[in-house]
Amino acid sequence: MNKNLKKIIATMLVCALFSGTAALEAFAAPKYVNITGEPVAVRENPGTSAKFVQQVHYGDQMAYLAEKNDKNGVRWYQIKLSDNKTGWVTSAYAETVDEKNVGRVEVTTKLLNVRSKASLTSDVLGITRIGSQFDYFSVKKDSSDQTWYQIHYGDDQVAWLLGTYCKVVKEINKTDSKTDTKTDTKTDGKQVEITASPVNVRSKASLSGSRLGTSSKGKRYEYLASDTDEKGQLWYKIRYTSDKSGWVLASLSKIVTTDGTSASTTSAKTTTSTTAESTKKQVQITATALNVRSSASISGKILATVKNGKKFNYITSKKDSAGKTWYQIEYKSGKKGWILSDYAKLTGTVADSKTTTTTAKATAKQVRITGEKVNVRDAAGYSGKKLGSVKEGKTFKYLATKKDNQGNTWYQIQYTSTKKGWVLASLSKLVAAETATTTKTTAKTTAKQVEIIESPVNVRASASTGSKKLGTTSEGKKFKYLATKKDAKGKTWYQIQYTSQTKGWILASFCKLV
């Protein structure tokens, strides 16, 4: 009897222990499994004798589903693989992670690949579009020193986004480096009036500051201080609520006294002259395609791309830190942006604003690929059969333009001597047939620098699109010119001093000798 009683008590204790463990796991189950071995077998069930499914590798991270001990008492984790498959990995070469996001990123390019790893050579899990936002859980640099953000894609699948085409819109648990101790002794009687709508109010004097809320045109707040961000943009600090301060861009607001008059006669005069000037002048684009940016800087966010011959209302001009002149234009009704004056010219009055043409499209004879790796399809749509893929910088004879049922524009190209195909217009652009030859110059011997005129542009180890990519550079950057070379297809390349110790090659069609 005593022996049986002991067995019952022991059984109850074991049950209670497992019951407690299960309850704990239910409330604090890890979300992900990190692979710590290389390589690690994924099996159909817990145990080394179970059927092999596939291999995973060191650093891989998969969604956690469950855990269980095998017959030898070894702990195994059930994970989610691609294509909705599942499998089990041993805890000897894996660890569980309970992640919390550290911020949020927004996609800034039309189409962006979502990849399985922080590498341009990893598998593409899907495509996301401009404006899409994701919580990110870690940041990583690849071998080319490019930044990647780790996100959860689809049904909690771990994925990566290339930071070049993202911006951080929110950071969590990061203290503001600028403290509230910075004040302006001359704030008495001053207010900040919002001059646009809507305007974001941020936690710090930077576009990377977290958004506290929005304000609308005409609203006024107590003025506290002013500061400039990393791009040289001026910000005003305001008393946003009774217990919270915030920052607004000076370009979207103005300082006034309590009676509503401007606090600076200088700024009032500037506004008057700018308005008068804008009714007289226009800006005409002289480049094949030109980026419109959010600020007078090559680091400003790309708002749109405008084409050769287009005209826009001129608002004002400004010089950046490098001495380059920028024109502010109204590129859409009610929307303003900045363009480099190097690729535009001031023209006559508003009266000829309706004479804009599409000469770039009419005279275009070639399609240049601008995406990293672009699929060629047999029909104008994602449902078209894939004929192959082409690399950035390649050009093809332009045949036609067509829109699919989702409104996406496609260009038909002469893919091979006997085959025609279609590529997405957002991953390519129309160029004049003579564009490839315009980079030739008689001043090669006197040229000292190479200036980048596109963004982003790959820097390669040799004069070939198939060579190793050393990194990327952006519009406006300048490098020491070293040499010129043609590749097997007759394309011209410039050799540059990429870093103090590294030389590289870039396609001449994406830069110019200066």
Protein backbone atom coordinates (compact mmCIF):
# COMPACT_ATOMS: atom_id res chain seq x y z
CA MET A 1 0.00 0.00 0.00
CA ASN A 2 2.78 2.42 0.96
CA LYS A 3 4.67 1.41 -2.17
CA ASN A 4 1.65 2.16 -4.37
CA LEU A 5 1.06 5.45 -2.60
CA LYS A 6 4.65 6.51 -3.28
CA LYS A 7 4.18 5.70 -6.98
CA ILE A 8 0.99 7.76 -7.15
CA ILE A 9 2.64 10.73 -5.43
CA ALA A 10 5.69 10.51 -7.71
CA THR A 11 3.45 10.38 -10.78
CA MET A 12 1.48 13.42 -9.59
CA LEU A 13 4.70 15.39 -9.02
CA VAL A 14 5.98 14.58 -12.52
CA CYS A 15 2.66 15.59 -14.04
CA ALA A 16 2.63 18.81 -12.06
CA LEU A 17 6.18 19.56 -13.19
CA PHE A 18 5.38 19.04 -16.88
CA SER A 19 2.08 20.88 -16.52
CA GLY A 20 3.92 23.85 -15.06
CA THR A 21 6.52 23.74 -17.80
CA ALA A 22 3.85 23.65 -20.48
CA ALA A 23 2.09 26.63 -18.90
CA LEU A 24 5.36 28.55 -18.81
CA GLU A 25 6.04 27.81 -22.47
CA ALA A 26 2.53 28.86 -23.41
CA PHE A 27 3.08 32.32 -21.93
CA ALA A 28 6.76 32.80 -22.79
CA ALA A 29 7.39 30.70 -25.87
CA PRO A 30 10.34 31.87 -27.98
CA LYS A 31 9.52 33.19 -31.45
CA TYR A 32 12.61 32.18 -33.39
CA VAL A 33 15.34 29.57 -33.63
CA ASN A 34 18.94 30.57 -34.45
CA ILE A 35 21.20 27.95 -36.07
CA THR A 36 24.59 27.75 -34.29
CA GLY A 37 26.15 24.83 -36.23
CA GLU A 38 27.37 24.41 -39.82
CA PRO A 39 25.66 22.67 -41.51
CA VAL A 40 22.71 21.34 -39.45
CA ALA A 41 20.30 18.62 -40.57
CA VAL A 42 16.57 19.28 -40.45
CA ARG A 43 14.56 16.12 -39.80
CA GLU A 44 10.95 15.11 -40.21
CA ASN A 45 10.60 14.24 -36.50
CA PRO A 46 12.70 14.73 -33.33
CA GLY A 47 15.63 12.29 -33.40
CA THR A 48 18.75 11.54 -35.46
CA SER A 49 17.11 8.48 -36.97
CA ALA A 50 14.17 10.45 -38.40
CA LYS A 51 13.95 11.16 -42.15
CA PHE A 52 16.27 13.90 -43.42
CA VAL A 53 14.44 16.93 -44.87
CA GLN A 54 17.17 19.46 -45.76
CA GLN A 55 20.14 21.39 -44.35
CA VAL A 56 20.23 24.79 -42.65
CA HIS A 57 23.32 26.86 -41.97
CA TYR A 58 25.04 28.89 -39.30
CA GLY A 59 23.25 32.20 -38.69
CA ASP A 60 19.96 31.10 -40.29
CA GLN A 61 16.90 32.07 -38.30
CA MET A 62 13.49 30.44 -38.61
CA ALA A 63 10.13 30.80 -36.91
CA TYR A 64 9.77 28.65 -33.78
CA LEU A 65 6.76 26.29 -33.68
CA ALA A 66 7.32 23.84 -30.80
CA GLU A 67 9.91 21.79 -28.91
CA LYS A 68 10.14 18.18 -27.79
CA ASN A 69 12.62 15.67 -26.32
CA ASP A 70 13.62 12.59 -28.32
CA LYS A 71 13.89 9.09 -26.79
CA ASN A 72 17.40 9.91 -25.55
CA GLY A 73 16.22 13.04 -23.73
CA VAL A 74 17.77 15.47 -26.27
CA ARG A 75 15.74 18.64 -26.89
CA TRP A 76 14.59 19.35 -30.47
CA TYR A 77 13.00 22.48 -31.91
CA GLN A 78 10.31 22.46 -34.58
CA ILE A 79 10.91 25.21 -37.13
CA LYS A 80 9.13 26.67 -40.14
CA LEU A 81 10.95 26.33 -43.47
CA SER A 82 10.24 27.91 -46.83
CA ASP A 83 7.16 26.85 -48.84
CA ASN A 84 5.28 26.32 -45.54
CA LYS A 85 7.29 23.18 -44.76
CA THR A 86 8.27 22.30 -41.19
CA GLY A 87 11.04 20.26 -39.61
CA TRP A 88 13.03 19.60 -36.44
CA VAL A 89 16.59 20.61 -35.44
CA THR A 90 18.56 19.50 -32.40
CA SER A 91 19.20 22.00 -29.60
CA ALA A 92 22.88 20.95 -29.75
CA TYR A 93 23.24 23.19 -32.82
CA ALA A 94 20.43 25.69 -32.32
CA GLU A 95 19.12 28.19 -29.80
CA THR A 96 15.78 29.88 -29.23
CA VAL A 97 15.36 33.65 -29.38
CA ASP A 98 12.58 35.85 -28.03
CA GLU A 99 13.05 38.95 -30.17
CA LYS A 100 11.70 42.44 -29.76
CA ASN A 101 11.79 44.96 -32.58
CA VAL A 102 14.27 47.82 -32.30
CA GLY A 103 12.68 50.08 -34.91
CA ARG A 104 10.71 50.44 -38.10
CA VAL A 105 11.88 50.96 -41.71
CA GLU A 106 10.09 52.22 -44.81
CA VAL A 107 10.89 51.15 -48.38
CA THR A 108 12.00 54.13 -50.52
CA THR A 109 12.31 52.50 -53.97
CA LYS A 110 9.54 51.35 -56.33
CA LEU A 111 10.28 47.64 -55.98
CA LEU A 112 12.62 45.97 -53.50
CA ASN A 113 13.61 42.32 -53.15
CA VAL A 114 13.00 40.64 -49.80
CA ARG A 115 15.90 38.22 -49.28
CA SER A 116 16.51 35.17 -47.12
CA LYS A 117 19.91 36.45 -45.93
CA ALA A 118 21.80 39.74 -45.66
CA SER A 119 23.35 39.25 -49.10
CA LEU A 120 22.54 40.18 -52.69
CA THR A 121 23.28 36.59 -53.69
CA SER A 122 20.72 35.04 -51.31
CA ASP A 123 17.27 33.74 -52.31
CA VAL A 124 14.52 36.25 -53.09
CA LEU A 125 11.50 35.50 -50.88
CA GLY A 126 9.29 38.15 -52.45
CA ILE A 127 9.04 41.76 -53.60
CA THR A 128 7.85 44.76 -51.59
CA ARG A 129 6.93 48.23 -52.84
CA ILE A 130 7.70 51.86 -52.05
CA GLY A 131 6.02 53.08 -48.87
CA SER A 132 5.81 49.62 -47.27
CA GLN A 133 6.87 49.61 -43.61
CA PHE A 134 8.33 46.77 -41.52
CA ASP A 135 9.45 46.35 -37.93
CA TYR A 136 13.15 45.45 -37.90
CA PHE A 137 14.87 43.34 -35.26
CA SER A 138 18.55 43.72 -36.02
CA VAL A 139 20.97 45.50 -38.36
CA LYS A 140 23.86 43.82 -40.16
CA LYS A 141 26.66 44.78 -42.58
CA ASP A 142 27.60 42.49 -45.48
CA SER A 143 31.07 41.95 -46.98
CA SER A 144 30.65 45.11 -49.09
CA ASP A 145 29.83 47.16 -45.97
CA GLN A 146 26.20 47.54 -47.06
CA THR A 147 23.59 47.78 -44.30
CA TRP A 148 20.74 45.25 -44.06
CA TYR A 149 17.65 45.25 -41.83
CA GLN A 150 16.25 41.99 -40.48
CA ILE A 151 12.45 41.80 -40.70
CA HIS A 152 9.67 39.26 -40.41
CA TYR A 153 8.08 38.61 -43.80
CA GLY A 154 4.84 36.86 -44.55
CA ASP A 155 3.86 34.38 -41.88
CA ASP A 156 6.70 35.28 -39.47
CA GLN A 157 9.43 34.28 -41.94
CA VAL A 158 12.81 35.84 -41.18
CA ALA A 159 14.03 38.02 -44.07
CA TRP A 160 16.34 40.92 -44.92
CA LEU A 161 15.99 44.31 -46.67
CA LEU A 162 18.90 46.23 -48.20
CA GLY A 163 19.30 49.45 -46.20
CA THR A 164 20.28 51.47 -49.31
CA TYR A 165 16.60 51.49 -50.30
CA CYS A 166 15.07 51.94 -46.84
CA LYS A 167 14.80 54.68 -44.28
CA VAL A 168 14.34 54.34 -40.52
CA VAL A 169 11.02 55.92 -39.55
CA LYS A 170 11.03 54.84 -35.91
CA GLU A 171 13.65 53.81 -33.37
CA ILE A 172 12.71 52.17 -30.07
CA ASN A 173 14.55 52.53 -26.76
CA LYS A 174 17.13 54.90 -28.20
CA THR A 175 17.67 58.03 -26.21
CA ASP A 176 17.74 61.35 -27.98
CA SER A 177 21.27 62.71 -28.17
CA LYS A 178 19.90 66.23 -28.02
CA THR A 179 18.60 67.03 -24.55
CA ASP A 180 15.95 69.50 -23.48
CA THR A 181 18.61 71.54 -21.68
CA LYS A 182 19.36 73.31 -24.99
CA THR A 183 17.24 76.47 -24.97
CA ASP A 184 17.18 79.80 -26.72
CA THR A 185 17.41 82.80 -24.43
CA LYS A 186 15.50 84.90 -26.97
CA THR A 187 12.32 82.82 -27.15
CA ASP A 188 10.08 85.33 -25.31
CA GLY A 189 7.11 86.32 -27.42
CA LYS A 190 8.01 84.04 -30.35
CA GLN A 191 5.84 81.38 -31.88
CA VAL A 192 6.22 78.88 -34.70
CA GLU A 193 3.45 78.97 -37.30
CA ILE A 194 2.96 75.92 -39.55
CA THR A 195 2.95 76.93 -43.24
CA ALA A 196 2.18 73.57 -44.88
CA SER A 197 -0.24 70.73 -44.28
CA PRO A 198 0.24 68.14 -42.92
CA VAL A 199 3.58 68.59 -41.13
CA ASN A 200 5.22 65.88 -39.02
CA VAL A 201 6.28 66.73 -35.48
CA ARG A 202 9.35 64.68 -34.53
CA SER A 203 11.17 63.71 -31.35
CA LYS A 204 14.47 65.24 -32.53
CA ALA A 205 15.79 67.65 -35.14
CA SER A 206 16.09 64.99 -37.83
CA LEU A 207 13.94 63.10 -40.34
CA SER A 208 15.02 59.95 -38.50
CA GLY A 209 13.36 61.18 -35.29
CA SER A 210 10.25 59.26 -34.29
CA ARG A 211 6.98 60.92 -35.29
CA LEU A 212 5.05 62.33 -32.34
CA GLY A 213 2.11 63.41 -34.47
CA THR A 214 1.15 65.86 -37.22
CA SER A 215 0.10 69.50 -37.39
CA SER A 216 -1.72 71.52 -40.03
CA LYS A 217 -1.28 74.85 -41.80
CA GLY A 218 -1.95 77.91 -39.65
CA LYS A 219 -1.43 76.28 -36.25
CA ARG A 220 0.93 78.02 -33.84
CA TYR A 221 3.12 76.74 -31.02
CA GLU A 222 5.48 78.26 -28.48
CA TYR A 223 8.99 78.54 -29.96
CA LEU A 224 11.69 76.91 -27.77
CA ALA A 225 14.89 76.58 -29.81
CA SER A 226 16.38 75.88 -33.24
CA ASP A 227 18.96 73.40 -34.54
CA THR A 228 20.29 71.90 -37.80
CA ASP A 229 20.36 68.21 -38.68
CA GLU A 230 23.08 66.09 -40.31
CA LYS A 231 21.99 67.36 -43.76
CA GLY A 232 22.16 71.03 -42.76
CA GLN A 233 18.37 71.45 -42.63
CA LEU A 234 17.04 73.92 -40.05
CA TRP A 235 14.50 72.72 -37.44
CA TYR A 236 12.40 74.58 -34.85
CA LYS A 237 11.68 73.16 -31.42
CA ILE A 238 8.09 73.76 -30.28
CA ARG A 239 5.90 73.16 -27.23
CA TYR A 240 3.79 70.51 -28.94
CA THR A 241 1.50 69.68 -25.98
CA SER A 242 1.39 70.89 -22.40
CA ASP A 243 3.86 68.20 -21.34
CA LYS A 244 5.70 67.40 -24.58
CA SER A 245 8.08 69.26 -26.90
CA GLY A 246 8.82 68.38 -30.53
CA TRP A 247 10.65 69.49 -33.69
CA VAL A 248 9.32 70.73 -37.07
CA LEU A 249 11.20 71.54 -40.28
CA ALA A 250 11.82 75.28 -40.66
CA SER A 251 11.06 74.98 -44.39
CA LEU A 252 7.49 73.99 -43.45
CA SER A 253 6.99 76.66 -40.80
CA LYS A 254 8.02 80.18 -39.79
CA ILE A 255 8.77 82.11 -36.61
CA VAL A 256 6.24 84.86 -35.77
CA THR A 257 5.55 87.13 -32.81
CA THR A 258 2.45 86.68 -30.71
CA ASP A 259 0.59 89.28 -32.80
CA GLY A 260 1.25 87.24 -35.96
CA THR A 261 3.89 89.44 -37.60
CA SER A 262 7.06 87.86 -38.92
CA ALA A 263 9.88 87.69 -36.39
CA SER A 264 12.42 88.35 -39.15
CA THR A 265 12.13 91.11 -41.74
CA THR A 266 14.82 89.34 -43.74
CA SER A 267 12.74 86.23 -44.22
CA ALA A 268 9.72 88.33 -45.17
CA LYS A 269 11.71 90.01 -47.95
CA THR A 270 12.99 86.66 -49.15
CA THR A 271 9.48 85.28 -49.42
CA THR A 272 8.33 88.29 -51.42
CA SER A 273 11.20 88.10 -53.90
CA THR A 274 10.84 84.35 -54.27
CA THR A 275 7.14 84.65 -55.08
CA ALA A 276 7.81 87.33 -57.68
CA GLU A 277 10.58 85.28 -59.24
CA SER A 278 8.53 82.09 -59.37
CA THR A 279 5.88 83.76 -61.53
CA LYS A 280 8.51 84.65 -64.13
CA LYS A 281 10.79 81.64 -64.39
CA GLN A 282 10.64 77.96 -65.15
CA VAL A 283 13.15 75.13 -64.96
CA GLN A 284 13.64 72.88 -67.99
CA ILE A 285 15.23 69.44 -67.55
CA THR A 286 18.27 68.82 -69.75
CA ALA A 287 19.20 65.29 -68.58
CA THR A 288 17.61 62.09 -69.87
CA ALA A 289 16.23 61.45 -66.38
CA LEU A 290 16.77 63.47 -63.20
CA ASN A 291 15.93 62.77 -59.56
CA VAL A 292 13.77 65.22 -57.60
CA ARG A 293 14.88 65.27 -53.95
CA SER A 294 13.37 66.35 -50.63
CA SER A 295 16.27 68.70 -49.85
CA ALA A 296 19.04 70.52 -51.71
CA SER A 297 21.45 67.62 -51.28
CA ILE A 298 22.30 64.33 -53.00
CA SER A 299 21.45 62.66 -49.68
CA GLY A 300 17.90 63.99 -49.81
CA LYS A 301 15.11 61.46 -50.28
CA ILE A 302 14.15 60.80 -53.93
CA LEU A 303 10.57 62.06 -54.40
CA ALA A 304 10.23 61.49 -58.15
CA THR A 305 12.13 61.26 -61.44
CA VAL A 306 11.58 63.79 -64.23
CA LYS A 307 12.51 63.47 -67.90
CA ASN A 308 14.35 65.49 -70.53
CA GLY A 309 12.50 68.54 -71.86
CA LYS A 310 9.96 68.75 -69.04
CA LYS A 311 9.36 72.22 -67.56
CA PHE A 312 8.39 73.11 -64.00
CA ASN A 313 7.65 76.28 -62.05
CA TYR A 314 10.83 77.66 -60.47
CA ILE A 315 10.56 78.58 -56.75
CA THR A 316 14.04 79.36 -55.43
CA SER A 317 17.67 78.21 -55.53
CA LYS A 318 20.20 77.12 -52.93
CA LYS A 319 23.81 75.91 -52.67
CA ASP A 320 24.75 72.70 -50.85
CA SER A 321 27.83 72.07 -48.69
CA ALA A 322 29.86 71.17 -51.82
CA GLY A 323 28.98 74.49 -53.52
CA LYS A 324 26.56 72.87 -55.99
CA THR A 325 23.47 74.92 -56.97
CA TRP A 326 20.02 73.35 -56.60
CA TYR A 327 16.68 74.58 -57.97
CA GLN A 328 13.48 74.14 -56.00
CA ILE A 329 10.58 73.30 -58.33
CA GLU A 330 6.90 72.41 -58.13
CA TYR A 331 7.16 68.95 -59.69
CA LYS A 332 3.48 68.13 -59.05
CA SER A 333 0.51 70.28 -58.11
CA GLY A 334 1.18 71.36 -54.51
CA LYS A 335 4.38 69.27 -54.23
CA LYS A 336 7.86 70.79 -54.13
CA GLY A 337 11.30 69.27 -54.54
CA TRP A 338 14.92 70.04 -55.43
CA ILE A 339 16.99 69.24 -58.55
CA LEU A 340 20.67 69.77 -59.40
CA SER A 341 21.13 72.83 -61.63
CA ASP A 342 23.84 70.94 -63.58
CA TYR A 343 21.09 69.01 -65.36
CA ALA A 344 18.52 71.79 -65.83
CA LYS A 345 18.22 75.36 -67.07
CA LEU A 346 16.12 78.38 -66.19
CA THR A 347 13.77 79.38 -69.01
CA GLY A 348 11.06 81.99 -69.72
CA THR A 349 7.65 82.62 -68.22
CA VAL A 350 4.81 80.42 -67.03
CA ALA A 351 2.96 81.10 -70.29
CA ASP A 352 4.89 78.34 -72.08
CA SER A 353 4.34 75.76 -69.33
CA LYS A 354 1.90 73.83 -71.53
CA THR A 355 4.51 73.16 -74.21
CA THR A 356 6.05 70.23 -72.35
CA THR A 357 6.78 67.26 -74.60
CA THR A 358 7.81 63.65 -74.32
CA THR A 359 10.76 63.92 -76.71
CA ALA A 360 12.74 61.52 -74.51
CA LYS A 361 10.23 58.78 -75.16
CA ALA A 362 9.72 59.63 -78.81
CA THR A 363 13.41 59.59 -79.68
CA ALA A 364 14.35 56.71 -77.37
CA LYS A 365 15.71 53.71 -79.22
CA GLN A 366 17.07 51.60 -76.37
CA VAL A 367 16.08 50.27 -72.96
CA ARG A 368 18.77 50.34 -70.27
CA ILE A 369 18.39 47.98 -67.29
CA THR A 370 18.61 49.83 -63.95
CA GLY A 371 17.67 46.98 -61.60
CA GLU A 372 20.23 44.60 -60.13
CA LYS A 373 18.81 41.49 -61.84
CA VAL A 374 15.70 41.91 -63.99
CA ASN A 375 13.47 39.16 -65.38
CA VAL A 376 12.62 39.15 -69.09
CA ARG A 377 9.11 37.77 -69.78
CA ASP A 378 7.28 36.68 -72.93
CA ALA A 379 4.28 38.90 -72.10
CA ALA A 380 3.74 42.27 -70.39
CA GLY A 381 2.83 41.02 -66.91
CA TYR A 382 4.06 39.00 -63.94
CA SER A 383 2.15 36.02 -65.34
CA GLY A 384 4.33 36.06 -68.46
CA LYS A 385 6.75 33.16 -68.85
CA LYS A 386 10.29 33.97 -67.73
CA LEU A 387 12.68 33.88 -70.71
CA GLY A 388 15.77 34.75 -68.65
CA SER A 389 17.24 37.58 -66.59
CA VAL A 390 19.50 40.54 -67.42
CA LYS A 391 21.94 42.55 -65.33
CA GLU A 392 22.13 46.22 -64.46
CA GLY A 393 23.64 48.44 -67.17
CA LYS A 394 22.74 46.24 -70.16
CA THR A 395 20.93 47.91 -73.07
CA PHE A 396 18.50 46.48 -75.64
CA LYS A 397 16.64 47.76 -78.69
CA TYR A 398 13.31 49.35 -77.62
CA LEU A 399 10.23 48.01 -79.44
CA ALA A 400 7.03 49.04 -77.62
CA THR A 401 5.35 50.04 -74.34
CA LYS A 402 2.36 48.39 -72.66
CA LYS A 403 0.52 48.41 -69.31
CA ASP A 404 -0.63 45.22 -67.55
CA ASN A 405 -3.97 44.77 -65.76
CA GLN A 406 -2.42 46.10 -62.53
CA GLY A 407 -1.32 49.37 -64.16
CA ASN A 408 2.40 48.50 -64.31
CA THR A 409 4.29 49.77 -67.37
CA TRP A 410 6.41 47.29 -69.36
CA TYR A 411 8.91 47.82 -72.19
CA GLN A 412 9.23 45.35 -75.07
CA ILE A 413 12.85 44.72 -76.04
CA GLN A 414 14.81 42.78 -78.62
CA TYR A 415 16.10 40.25 -76.09
CA THR A 416 18.15 38.13 -78.51
CA SER A 417 18.57 38.23 -82.28
CA THR A 418 15.50 36.02 -82.63
CA LYS A 419 13.54 36.66 -79.41
CA LYS A 420 11.50 39.56 -78.11
CA GLY A 421 10.71 40.04 -74.42
CA TRP A 422 9.19 42.39 -71.82
CA VAL A 423 10.84 44.08 -68.81
CA LEU A 424 9.31 46.21 -66.04
CA ALA A 425 9.67 49.94 -66.74
CA SER A 426 10.36 50.59 -63.04
CA LEU A 427 13.53 48.44 -63.32
CA SER A 428 14.72 50.01 -66.58
CA LYS A 429 14.62 53.27 -68.51
CA LEU A 430 14.35 54.53 -72.07
CA VAL A 431 17.53 56.13 -73.42
CA ALA A 432 18.57 57.59 -76.75
CA ALA A 433 20.56 55.24 -78.98
CA GLU A 434 23.53 57.58 -78.98
CA THR A 435 23.67 57.75 -75.14
CA ALA A 436 26.29 55.02 -74.94
CA THR A 437 28.67 57.00 -77.16
CA THR A 438 28.20 60.42 -75.57
CA THR A 439 30.57 59.49 -72.76
CA LYS A 440 33.52 59.63 -75.19
CA THR A 441 35.62 62.73 -74.60
CA THR A 442 38.78 64.20 -76.03
CA ALA A 443 39.72 65.51 -72.58
CA LYS A 444 40.67 62.08 -71.20
CA THR A 445 44.25 63.09 -70.64
CA THR A 446 43.30 66.21 -68.69
CA ALA A 447 40.36 64.75 -66.72
CA LYS A 448 41.11 64.52 -63.03
CA GLN A 449 37.83 63.22 -61.62
CA VAL A 450 34.84 61.04 -62.41
CA GLU A 451 31.46 62.40 -61.23
CA ILE A 452 28.52 60.00 -60.68
CA ILE A 453 25.30 61.11 -62.43
CA GLU A 454 22.99 58.21 -61.47
CA SER A 455 22.03 56.64 -58.14
CA PRO A 456 22.87 53.98 -57.05
CA VAL A 457 25.81 52.84 -59.24
CA ASN A 458 27.79 49.63 -58.77
CA VAL A 459 31.58 49.77 -58.46
CA ARG A 460 33.17 46.59 -59.85
CA ALA A 461 36.54 44.86 -59.59
CA SER A 462 37.07 44.88 -63.37
CA ALA A 463 35.55 46.49 -66.46
CA SER A 464 32.65 44.05 -66.75
CA THR A 465 29.11 43.75 -65.38
CA GLY A 466 29.90 40.14 -64.51
CA SER A 467 32.83 41.01 -62.25
CA LYS A 468 32.75 41.17 -58.44
CA LYS A 469 30.86 44.14 -56.96
CA LEU A 470 33.04 46.12 -54.55
CA GLY A 471 30.21 48.37 -53.37
CA THR A 472 27.90 51.15 -54.56
CA THR A 473 28.12 54.91 -54.90
CA SER A 474 25.55 57.65 -55.43
CA GLU A 475 24.75 60.64 -57.63
CA GLY A 476 27.07 63.63 -57.17
CA LYS A 477 30.01 61.70 -55.69
CA LYS A 478 33.44 62.33 -57.26
CA PHE A 479 36.47 60.04 -57.51
CA LYS A 480 39.99 60.32 -58.91
CA TYR A 481 40.07 59.23 -62.58
CA LEU A 482 42.67 56.54 -63.40
CA ALA A 483 41.96 54.95 -66.79
CA THR A 484 39.42 54.10 -69.52
CA LYS A 485 38.64 50.68 -70.99
CA LYS A 486 36.07 49.01 -73.23
CA ASP A 487 34.56 45.63 -72.39
CA ALA A 488 33.84 42.76 -74.78
CA LYS A 489 30.54 44.37 -75.81
CA GLY A 490 32.13 47.73 -76.57
CA LYS A 491 30.88 49.47 -73.43
CA THR A 492 33.16 52.13 -71.95
CA TRP A 493 34.29 51.88 -68.32
CA TYR A 494 36.22 54.33 -66.11
CA GLN A 495 38.69 53.14 -63.49
CA ILE A 496 38.52 55.17 -60.26
CA GLN A 497 40.28 55.36 -56.91
CA TYR A 498 37.32 53.94 -54.99
CA THR A 499 38.94 54.03 -51.53
CA SER A 500 42.42 54.98 -50.38
CA GLN A 501 43.55 51.40 -51.00
CA THR A 502 41.04 50.10 -53.57
CA LYS A 503 40.61 50.78 -57.28
CA GLY A 504 37.35 50.02 -59.07
CA TRP A 505 35.48 50.32 -62.38
CA ILE A 506 32.16 51.99 -63.20
CA LEU A 507 30.17 52.15 -66.44
CA ALA A 508 30.80 55.43 -68.27
CA SER A 509 27.06 55.75 -69.00
CA PHE A 510 26.47 56.35 -65.27
CA CYS A 511 29.10 59.06 -64.81
CA LYS A 512 31.05 61.83 -66.51
CA LEU A 513 34.63 63.08 -66.64
CA VAL A 514 35.12 66.48 -64.96
